[in-house]
Amino acid sequence: MKKLITPFILLFICAGPAAAQVSIAPTSLFIDDQNRFGTFLVLNSSNQTQEVQLEFIFGYPATDEEGNTYMRYDDPVAESEFSIAEWIRGFPRNFTLEPGARQTVRLTVRPPADLPDGMYWTRIRTTSNALSPDIDEEIQDGVSARITFRFEQITAAFYKKGNVNTGLDIKDKEIQLNGDKATIFAEVHRTGNAPFLGSMQLRVINDSGDEVYSNQNFTTVYLNALRKMDYDISGWPAGSYTAELTFLSERSDISARDIVQTDPVTVSIDFQIEQ
């Protein structure tokens, strides 16, 4: 009896390599007009042969009205101004990796000659799935189902042209207290011709001048964003406090030579904890 194969495809978008079938390094790639070439590495960290496919799509981290971050891919105005998805080429874009094998992908950027100075970008979407066996290799008669897991990883590629600069303009600020949690918000607009890639550092000072809380997170501001940081205030005594949120052009996952530097920007907000 001829067998019927019913395929199911499950798609997972991975936030990091721990959940993925392949690993990618680096996760942020920088190319400039002095050397329009770059490379990144794809490693098969699974025990199965993997099929890998690369695509270039424009997108950037944006925020909603509550300060939650999401990837935005539907901004045609920004795409027409900042995207390199149509200029970047990768080789190879489709390949197979045996378990433990690695593949170097070579990229080149060919922008228009009249491109203004600035930093441009694209997302690299790397999709991987286990190599499917041929139907003839199936040994069970009758109806069977084959489930294919496809993993997507999104990494970034940047292109720097000429003189690049960045900065931040704080348009608004707010603190919200909700039970044992406090949240500081900052509406931030990027200045200059390059995205801000850096960190947010939060310090909270009590009315005696003592630091009672500190934390630091990675952040980006590609265009405009509503950035926030939460912190636990349970058990804090009643009194006056000052929250200082500082944006720094530094982060441990990107080399300092690749980050467009700018002066730190700090916003301070006073708040009260009542008895």
C-alpha atoms as a PDB file:
ATOM      1  CA  MET A   1       0.000   0.000   0.000  1.00  0.00           C
ATOM      2  CA  LYS A   2       1.298   3.426  -0.899  1.00  0.00           C
ATOM      3  CA  LYS A   3       2.031   5.528   2.124  1.00  0.00           C
ATOM      4  CA  LEU A   4       0.715   9.036   2.735  1.00  0.00           C
ATOM      5  CA  ILE A   5       3.107  11.474   4.400  1.00  0.00           C
ATOM      6  CA  THR A   6       1.486  14.372   6.237  1.00  0.00           C
ATOM      7  CA  PRO A   7       4.044  17.097   6.995  1.00  0.00           C
ATOM      8  CA  PHE A   8       3.792  19.480   9.915  1.00  0.00           C
ATOM      9  CA  ILE A   9       6.118  22.451  10.191  1.00  0.00           C
ATOM     10  CA  LEU A  10       6.623  24.129  13.545  1.00  0.00           C
ATOM     11  CA  LEU A  11       8.445  27.455  13.561  1.00  0.00           C
ATOM     12  CA  PHE A  12      10.403  28.710  16.542  1.00  0.00           C
ATOM     13  CA  ILE A  13      11.942  32.176  16.695  1.00  0.00           C
ATOM     14  CA  CYS A  14      14.929  31.927  18.981  1.00  0.00           C
ATOM     15  CA  ALA A  15      16.017  34.724  21.285  1.00  0.00           C
ATOM     16  CA  GLY A  16      19.448  33.159  21.685  1.00  0.00           C
ATOM     17  CA  PRO A  17      21.590  30.218  20.686  1.00  0.00           C
ATOM     18  CA  ALA A  18      20.689  28.100  23.731  1.00  0.00           C
ATOM     19  CA  ALA A  19      17.336  27.055  22.195  1.00  0.00           C
ATOM     20  CA  ALA A  20      18.583  26.836  18.620  1.00  0.00           C
ATOM     21  CA  GLN A  21      19.851  24.009  16.439  1.00  0.00           C
ATOM     22  CA  VAL A  22      22.663  26.151  15.082  1.00  0.00           C
ATOM     23  CA  SER A  23      24.785  28.801  16.768  1.00  0.00           C
ATOM     24  CA  ILE A  24      25.749  32.111  15.155  1.00  0.00           C
ATOM     25  CA  ALA A  25      28.659  34.414  15.934  1.00  0.00           C
ATOM     26  CA  PRO A  26      28.815  37.323  16.127  1.00  0.00           C
ATOM     27  CA  THR A  27      25.213  38.345  16.732  1.00  0.00           C
ATOM     28  CA  SER A  28      25.983  41.924  15.604  1.00  0.00           C
ATOM     29  CA  LEU A  29      28.177  42.400  12.540  1.00  0.00           C
ATOM     30  CA  PHE A  30      29.717  45.736  11.537  1.00  0.00           C
ATOM     31  CA  ILE A  31      30.935  46.637   8.033  1.00  0.00           C
ATOM     32  CA  ASP A  32      32.148  50.045   6.865  1.00  0.00           C
ATOM     33  CA  ASP A  33      32.980  51.904   3.666  1.00  0.00           C
ATOM     34  CA  GLN A  34      36.713  51.303   4.119  1.00  0.00           C
ATOM     35  CA  ASN A  35      36.249  47.531   3.830  1.00  0.00           C
ATOM     36  CA  ARG A  36      32.834  46.542   2.538  1.00  0.00           C
ATOM     37  CA  PHE A  37      33.242  42.886   3.508  1.00  0.00           C
ATOM     38  CA  GLY A  38      32.393  40.897   6.617  1.00  0.00           C
ATOM     39  CA  THR A  39      31.994  37.329   7.820  1.00  0.00           C
ATOM     40  CA  PHE A  40      30.036  35.426  10.419  1.00  0.00           C
ATOM     41  CA  LEU A  41      30.113  31.808  11.545  1.00  0.00           C
ATOM     42  CA  VAL A  42      27.275  29.277  11.621  1.00  0.00           C
ATOM     43  CA  LEU A  43      27.887  26.180  13.773  1.00  0.00           C
ATOM     44  CA  ASN A  44      25.707  23.076  13.876  1.00  0.00           C
ATOM     45  CA  SER A  45      25.483  22.397  17.600  1.00  0.00           C
ATOM     46  CA  SER A  46      22.882  19.631  17.222  1.00  0.00           C
ATOM     47  CA  ASN A  47      23.362  15.906  16.577  1.00  0.00           C
ATOM     48  CA  GLN A  48      21.486  16.036  13.268  1.00  0.00           C
ATOM     49  CA  THR A  49      22.418  17.285   9.822  1.00  0.00           C
ATOM     50  CA  GLN A  50      20.903  20.745   9.377  1.00  0.00           C
ATOM     51  CA  GLU A  51      19.640  22.631   6.353  1.00  0.00           C
ATOM     52  CA  VAL A  52      20.359  26.352   6.741  1.00  0.00           C
ATOM     53  CA  GLN A  53      18.913  29.299   4.813  1.00  0.00           C
ATOM     54  CA  LEU A  54      19.741  33.006   5.094  1.00  0.00           C
ATOM     55  CA  GLU A  55      17.551  36.013   4.306  1.00  0.00           C
ATOM     56  CA  PHE A  56      18.045  39.756   4.713  1.00  0.00           C
ATOM     57  CA  ILE A  57      15.088  41.739   6.052  1.00  0.00           C
ATOM     58  CA  PHE A  58      14.766  45.268   7.398  1.00  0.00           C
ATOM     59  CA  GLY A  59      13.639  45.713  10.975  1.00  0.00           C
ATOM     60  CA  TYR A  60      14.573  47.250  14.295  1.00  0.00           C
ATOM     61  CA  PRO A  61      13.614  47.021  17.998  1.00  0.00           C
ATOM     62  CA  ALA A  62      10.720  49.381  18.714  1.00  0.00           C
ATOM     63  CA  THR A  63       8.541  49.924  21.772  1.00  0.00           C
ATOM     64  CA  ASP A  64       4.806  50.075  22.364  1.00  0.00           C
ATOM     65  CA  GLU A  65       2.968  52.645  24.494  1.00  0.00           C
ATOM     66  CA  GLU A  66       3.816  50.686  27.653  1.00  0.00           C
ATOM     67  CA  GLY A  67       7.535  50.523  26.927  1.00  0.00           C
ATOM     68  CA  ASN A  68       7.566  46.861  25.868  1.00  0.00           C
ATOM     69  CA  THR A  69      10.073  46.028  23.149  1.00  0.00           C
ATOM     70  CA  TYR A  70       9.171  44.244  19.923  1.00  0.00           C
ATOM     71  CA  MET A  71      10.761  43.855  16.482  1.00  0.00           C
ATOM     72  CA  ARG A  72       9.184  46.126  13.912  1.00  0.00           C
ATOM     73  CA  TYR A  73       9.360  45.020  10.269  1.00  0.00           C
ATOM     74  CA  ASP A  74       6.606  47.211   8.818  1.00  0.00           C
ATOM     75  CA  ASP A  75       8.129  50.689   8.630  1.00  0.00           C
ATOM     76  CA  PRO A  76       8.476  51.529   4.918  1.00  0.00           C
ATOM     77  CA  VAL A  77       9.603  55.108   5.628  1.00  0.00           C
ATOM     78  CA  ALA A  78      12.524  54.001   7.811  1.00  0.00           C
ATOM     79  CA  GLU A  79      13.282  51.136   5.413  1.00  0.00           C
ATOM     80  CA  SER A  80      13.646  53.493   2.450  1.00  0.00           C
ATOM     81  CA  GLU A  81      16.072  55.651   4.458  1.00  0.00           C
ATOM     82  CA  PHE A  82      18.153  53.161   6.463  1.00  0.00           C
ATOM     83  CA  SER A  83      17.903  49.652   4.984  1.00  0.00           C
ATOM     84  CA  ILE A  84      20.844  47.790   3.394  1.00  0.00           C
ATOM     85  CA  ALA A  85      18.771  44.653   2.728  1.00  0.00           C
ATOM     86  CA  GLU A  86      18.849  45.311  -1.026  1.00  0.00           C
ATOM     87  CA  TRP A  87      22.606  46.047  -1.108  1.00  0.00           C
ATOM     88  CA  ILE A  88      23.991  43.224   0.995  1.00  0.00           C
ATOM     89  CA  ARG A  89      24.967  39.871  -0.470  1.00  0.00           C
ATOM     90  CA  GLY A  90      25.836  36.676   1.364  1.00  0.00           C
ATOM     91  CA  PHE A  91      27.630  33.541   0.215  1.00  0.00           C
ATOM     92  CA  PRO A  92      26.537  30.854   0.685  1.00  0.00           C
ATOM     93  CA  ARG A  93      22.898  31.596   1.513  1.00  0.00           C
ATOM     94  CA  ASN A  94      21.751  27.967   1.459  1.00  0.00           C
ATOM     95  CA  PHE A  95      23.852  25.109   2.773  1.00  0.00           C
ATOM     96  CA  THR A  96      23.874  21.874   4.740  1.00  0.00           C
ATOM     97  CA  LEU A  97      25.847  21.304   7.937  1.00  0.00           C
ATOM     98  CA  GLU A  98      26.787  17.947   9.411  1.00  0.00           C
ATOM     99  CA  PRO A  99      26.699  17.644  13.227  1.00  0.00           C
ATOM    100  CA  GLY A 100      29.538  19.695  14.718  1.00  0.00           C
ATOM    101  CA  ALA A 101      30.393  21.287  11.357  1.00  0.00           C
ATOM    102  CA  ARG A 102      30.719  25.018  10.788  1.00  0.00           C
ATOM    103  CA  GLN A 103      30.284  27.335   7.835  1.00  0.00           C
ATOM    104  CA  THR A 104      31.776  30.780   7.307  1.00  0.00           C
ATOM    105  CA  VAL A 105      29.323  33.101   5.544  1.00  0.00           C
ATOM    106  CA  ARG A 106      30.897  35.973   3.621  1.00  0.00           C
ATOM    107  CA  LEU A 107      29.020  39.240   3.244  1.00  0.00           C
ATOM    108  CA  THR A 108      29.597  42.216   0.992  1.00  0.00           C
ATOM    109  CA  VAL A 109      27.741  45.541   0.860  1.00  0.00           C
ATOM    110  CA  ARG A 110      27.395  47.483  -2.399  1.00  0.00           C
ATOM    111  CA  PRO A 111      25.595  50.752  -1.602  1.00  0.00           C
ATOM    112  CA  PRO A 112      24.796  53.506  -4.106  1.00  0.00           C
ATOM    113  CA  ALA A 113      27.630  55.935  -4.756  1.00  0.00           C
ATOM    114  CA  ASP A 114      25.660  58.950  -3.488  1.00  0.00           C
ATOM    115  CA  LEU A 115      24.755  57.391  -0.120  1.00  0.00           C
ATOM    116  CA  PRO A 116      24.833  60.058   2.648  1.00  0.00           C
ATOM    117  CA  ASP A 117      27.055  59.551   5.688  1.00  0.00           C
ATOM    118  CA  GLY A 118      25.451  57.507   8.439  1.00  0.00           C
ATOM    119  CA  MET A 119      24.853  54.024   9.803  1.00  0.00           C
ATOM    120  CA  TYR A 120      22.513  51.674   7.945  1.00  0.00           C
ATOM    121  CA  TRP A 121      21.363  48.191   8.829  1.00  0.00           C
ATOM    122  CA  THR A 122      19.466  45.002   8.112  1.00  0.00           C
ATOM    123  CA  ARG A 123      18.440  41.887   9.999  1.00  0.00           C
ATOM    124  CA  ILE A 124      19.896  38.519   9.035  1.00  0.00           C
ATOM    125  CA  ARG A 125      17.267  35.798   9.401  1.00  0.00           C
ATOM    126  CA  THR A 126      18.919  32.394   9.716  1.00  0.00           C
ATOM    127  CA  THR A 127      16.480  29.492   9.433  1.00  0.00           C
ATOM    128  CA  SER A 128      17.551  25.943  10.250  1.00  0.00           C
ATOM    129  CA  ASN A 129      15.837  22.569  10.264  1.00  0.00           C
ATOM    130  CA  ALA A 130      16.944  18.959  10.420  1.00  0.00           C
ATOM    131  CA  LEU A 131      17.573  17.410   7.012  1.00  0.00           C
ATOM    132  CA  SER A 132      14.462  15.454   6.089  1.00  0.00           C
ATOM    133  CA  PRO A 133      14.926  11.804   5.077  1.00  0.00           C
ATOM    134  CA  ASP A 134      13.860  10.781   1.585  1.00  0.00           C
ATOM    135  CA  ILE A 135      10.405   9.246   1.408  1.00  0.00           C
ATOM    136  CA  ASP A 136      11.938   6.023   0.118  1.00  0.00           C
ATOM    137  CA  GLU A 137      13.804   5.723   3.413  1.00  0.00           C
ATOM    138  CA  GLU A 138      10.514   5.443   5.331  1.00  0.00           C
ATOM    139  CA  ILE A 139       9.949   1.829   6.278  1.00  0.00           C
ATOM    140  CA  GLN A 140       6.477   1.961   7.861  1.00  0.00           C
ATOM    141  CA  ASP A 141       3.477   1.441   5.577  1.00  0.00           C
ATOM    142  CA  GLY A 142       0.240   3.317   5.876  1.00  0.00           C
ATOM    143  CA  VAL A 143      -0.280   6.889   6.964  1.00  0.00           C
ATOM    144  CA  SER A 144       2.444   8.663   8.881  1.00  0.00           C
ATOM    145  CA  ALA A 145       3.139  12.191   9.989  1.00  0.00           C
ATOM    146  CA  ARG A 146       6.460  13.948   9.734  1.00  0.00           C
ATOM    147  CA  ILE A 147       7.039  16.965  11.986  1.00  0.00           C
ATOM    148  CA  THR A 148       9.676  19.465  10.918  1.00  0.00           C
ATOM    149  CA  PHE A 149      10.949  21.976  13.459  1.00  0.00           C
ATOM    150  CA  ARG A 150      12.246  25.166  11.879  1.00  0.00           C
ATOM    151  CA  PHE A 151      14.237  27.562  14.023  1.00  0.00           C
ATOM    152  CA  GLU A 152      14.683  31.221  13.142  1.00  0.00           C
ATOM    153  CA  GLN A 153      17.441  33.349  14.612  1.00  0.00           C
ATOM    154  CA  ILE A 154      17.583  37.071  13.996  1.00  0.00           C
ATOM    155  CA  THR A 155      20.946  38.832  14.081  1.00  0.00           C
ATOM    156  CA  ALA A 156      22.004  42.307  12.935  1.00  0.00           C
ATOM    157  CA  ALA A 157      24.321  43.664  10.257  1.00  0.00           C
ATOM    158  CA  PHE A 158      25.344  47.344  10.224  1.00  0.00           C
ATOM    159  CA  TYR A 159      27.055  49.431   7.559  1.00  0.00           C
ATOM    160  CA  LYS A 160      28.904  52.635   8.449  1.00  0.00           C
ATOM    161  CA  LYS A 161      29.472  55.287   5.790  1.00  0.00           C
ATOM    162  CA  GLY A 162      31.689  58.317   6.387  1.00  0.00           C
ATOM    163  CA  ASN A 163      31.266  60.372   9.559  1.00  0.00           C
ATOM    164  CA  VAL A 164      28.792  58.803  11.968  1.00  0.00           C
ATOM    165  CA  ASN A 165      27.417  60.261  15.182  1.00  0.00           C
ATOM    166  CA  THR A 166      24.603  59.599  17.589  1.00  0.00           C
ATOM    167  CA  GLY A 167      22.966  61.081  20.667  1.00  0.00           C
ATOM    168  CA  LEU A 168      19.817  61.013  22.748  1.00  0.00           C
ATOM    169  CA  ASP A 169      17.215  63.639  23.553  1.00  0.00           C
ATOM    170  CA  ILE A 170      15.002  62.897  26.576  1.00  0.00           C
ATOM    171  CA  LYS A 171      11.520  64.159  25.722  1.00  0.00           C
ATOM    172  CA  ASP A 172       9.634  63.002  28.808  1.00  0.00           C
ATOM    173  CA  LYS A 173      10.105  61.055  32.048  1.00  0.00           C
ATOM    174  CA  GLU A 174       7.851  59.400  34.625  1.00  0.00           C
ATOM    175  CA  ILE A 175       7.906  57.066  37.619  1.00  0.00           C
ATOM    176  CA  GLN A 176       5.040  54.735  38.417  1.00  0.00           C
ATOM    177  CA  LEU A 177       4.689  53.075  41.825  1.00  0.00           C
ATOM    178  CA  ASN A 178       2.560  49.946  41.950  1.00  0.00           C
ATOM    179  CA  GLY A 179       2.690  48.062  45.227  1.00  0.00           C
ATOM    180  CA  ASP A 180       6.172  46.626  45.696  1.00  0.00           C
ATOM    181  CA  LYS A 181       7.305  47.607  42.184  1.00  0.00           C
ATOM    182  CA  ALA A 182       8.512  50.916  40.776  1.00  0.00           C
ATOM    183  CA  THR A 183       8.981  51.612  37.064  1.00  0.00           C
ATOM    184  CA  ILE A 184      10.893  54.513  35.567  1.00  0.00           C
ATOM    185  CA  PHE A 185      10.023  55.551  32.020  1.00  0.00           C
ATOM    186  CA  ALA A 186      11.993  57.762  29.623  1.00  0.00           C
ATOM    187  CA  GLU A 187      10.759  58.837  26.195  1.00  0.00           C
ATOM    188  CA  VAL A 188      13.954  58.977  24.153  1.00  0.00           C
ATOM    189  CA  HIS A 189      14.545  60.362  20.658  1.00  0.00           C
ATOM    190  CA  ARG A 190      17.702  59.524  18.787  1.00  0.00           C
ATOM    191  CA  THR A 191      19.750  62.355  17.299  1.00  0.00           C
ATOM    192  CA  GLY A 192      22.584  62.117  14.783  1.00  0.00           C
ATOM    193  CA  ASN A 193      22.827  59.721  11.845  1.00  0.00           C
ATOM    194  CA  ALA A 194      23.415  56.410  13.661  1.00  0.00           C
ATOM    195  CA  PRO A 195      21.448  54.216  16.092  1.00  0.00           C
ATOM    196  CA  PHE A 196      22.305  54.399  19.772  1.00  0.00           C
ATOM    197  CA  LEU A 197      23.705  51.046  20.926  1.00  0.00           C
ATOM    198  CA  GLY A 198      24.463  50.960  24.615  1.00  0.00           C
ATOM    199  CA  SER A 199      23.140  50.437  28.116  1.00  0.00           C
ATOM    200  CA  MET A 200      20.738  51.904  30.658  1.00  0.00           C
ATOM    201  CA  GLN A 201      22.127  52.308  34.178  1.00  0.00           C
ATOM    202  CA  LEU A 202      19.690  52.898  37.017  1.00  0.00           C
ATOM    203  CA  ARG A 203      20.725  54.220  40.426  1.00  0.00           C
ATOM    204  CA  VAL A 204      18.331  55.046  43.268  1.00  0.00           C
ATOM    205  CA  ILE A 205      19.507  57.375  46.064  1.00  0.00           C
ATOM    206  CA  ASN A 206      17.732  57.890  49.383  1.00  0.00           C
ATOM    207  CA  ASP A 207      17.365  61.237  51.185  1.00  0.00           C
ATOM    208  CA  SER A 208      20.656  60.585  53.056  1.00  0.00           C
ATOM    209  CA  GLY A 209      22.559  60.362  49.787  1.00  0.00           C
ATOM    210  CA  ASP A 210      23.080  56.594  50.012  1.00  0.00           C
ATOM    211  CA  GLU A 211      22.696  54.373  46.953  1.00  0.00           C
ATOM    212  CA  VAL A 212      19.954  51.845  47.730  1.00  0.00           C
ATOM    213  CA  TYR A 213      19.625  50.229  44.311  1.00  0.00           C
ATOM    214  CA  SER A 214      21.581  49.896  41.049  1.00  0.00           C
ATOM    215  CA  ASN A 215      21.214  47.879  37.873  1.00  0.00           C
ATOM    216  CA  GLN A 216      22.300  48.034  34.237  1.00  0.00           C
ATOM    217  CA  ASN A 217      20.665  46.606  31.091  1.00  0.00           C
ATOM    218  CA  PHE A 218      21.539  46.645  27.411  1.00  0.00           C
ATOM    219  CA  THR A 219      19.402  48.953  25.282  1.00  0.00           C
ATOM    220  CA  THR A 220      19.135  50.426  21.797  1.00  0.00           C
ATOM    221  CA  VAL A 221      17.438  53.463  20.316  1.00  0.00           C
ATOM    222  CA  TYR A 222      17.219  53.170  16.546  1.00  0.00           C
ATOM    223  CA  LEU A 223      14.764  56.034  16.075  1.00  0.00           C
ATOM    224  CA  ASN A 224      12.471  56.941  19.001  1.00  0.00           C
ATOM    225  CA  ALA A 225      11.635  54.689  21.934  1.00  0.00           C
ATOM    226  CA  LEU A 226       9.959  54.552  25.335  1.00  0.00           C
ATOM    227  CA  ARG A 227      12.509  52.884  27.591  1.00  0.00           C
ATOM    228  CA  LYS A 228      11.741  51.585  31.076  1.00  0.00           C
ATOM    229  CA  MET A 229      13.349  49.818  34.010  1.00  0.00           C
ATOM    230  CA  ASP A 230      11.535  48.054  36.842  1.00  0.00           C
ATOM    231  CA  TYR A 231      12.828  47.631  40.379  1.00  0.00           C
ATOM    232  CA  ASP A 232      11.582  46.115  43.602  1.00  0.00           C
ATOM    233  CA  ILE A 233      10.876  48.569  46.445  1.00  0.00           C
ATOM    234  CA  SER A 234       9.439  46.062  48.912  1.00  0.00           C
ATOM    235  CA  GLY A 235      10.673  46.774  52.425  1.00  0.00           C
ATOM    236  CA  TRP A 236      11.997  50.220  51.593  1.00  0.00           C
ATOM    237  CA  PRO A 237      11.354  52.707  54.420  1.00  0.00           C
ATOM    238  CA  ALA A 238       9.122  55.699  53.865  1.00  0.00           C
ATOM    239  CA  GLY A 239      10.963  58.754  52.616  1.00  0.00           C
ATOM    240  CA  SER A 240      12.237  60.705  49.637  1.00  0.00           C
ATOM    241  CA  TYR A 241      14.223  59.049  46.843  1.00  0.00           C
ATOM    242  CA  THR A 242      15.838  60.044  43.568  1.00  0.00           C
ATOM    243  CA  ALA A 243      16.006  57.703  40.583  1.00  0.00           C
ATOM    244  CA  GLU A 244      18.811  58.424  38.091  1.00  0.00           C
ATOM    245  CA  LEU A 245      18.584  56.717  34.703  1.00  0.00           C
ATOM    246  CA  THR A 246      21.738  57.095  32.592  1.00  0.00           C
ATOM    247  CA  PHE A 247      22.173  56.060  28.953  1.00  0.00           C
ATOM    248  CA  LEU A 248      25.752  54.948  28.199  1.00  0.00           C
ATOM    249  CA  SER A 249      27.256  54.109  24.802  1.00  0.00           C
ATOM    250  CA  GLU A 250      28.860  50.921  26.085  1.00  0.00           C
ATOM    251  CA  ARG A 251      27.882  47.269  26.370  1.00  0.00           C
ATOM    252  CA  SER A 252      29.793  44.039  26.903  1.00  0.00           C
ATOM    253  CA  ASP A 253      28.419  42.159  23.883  1.00  0.00           C
ATOM    254  CA  ILE A 254      29.662  44.699  21.297  1.00  0.00           C
ATOM    255  CA  SER A 255      33.224  45.940  20.911  1.00  0.00           C
ATOM    256  CA  ALA A 256      33.764  49.588  21.853  1.00  0.00           C
ATOM    257  CA  ARG A 257      35.292  50.240  18.427  1.00  0.00           C
ATOM    258  CA  ASP A 258      31.999  49.301  16.759  1.00  0.00           C
ATOM    259  CA  ILE A 259      29.746  51.414  18.979  1.00  0.00           C
ATOM    260  CA  VAL A 260      29.197  55.015  17.887  1.00  0.00           C
ATOM    261  CA  GLN A 261      30.202  56.925  20.991  1.00  0.00           C
ATOM    262  CA  THR A 262      28.309  59.765  22.626  1.00  0.00           C
ATOM    263  CA  ASP A 263      28.282  61.517  25.996  1.00  0.00           C
ATOM    264  CA  PRO A 264      26.199  59.892  28.752  1.00  0.00           C
ATOM    265  CA  VAL A 265      22.666  61.233  29.116  1.00  0.00           C
ATOM    266  CA  THR A 266      21.015  61.180  32.560  1.00  0.00           C
ATOM    267  CA  VAL A 267      17.446  61.801  33.628  1.00  0.00           C
ATOM    268  CA  SER A 268      16.570  62.179  37.333  1.00  0.00           C
ATOM    269  CA  ILE A 269      13.173  61.856  38.993  1.00  0.00           C
ATOM    270  CA  ASP A 270      12.283  62.364  42.655  1.00  0.00           C
ATOM    271  CA  PHE A 271       9.625  60.195  44.263  1.00  0.00           C
ATOM    272  CA  GLN A 272       8.161  59.468  47.652  1.00  0.00           C
ATOM    273  CA  ILE A 273       7.423  56.222  49.450  1.00  0.00           C
ATOM    274  CA  GLU A 274       4.619  56.751  51.911  1.00  0.00           C
ATOM    275  CA  GLN A 275       4.203  54.933  55.210  1.00  0.00           C
END
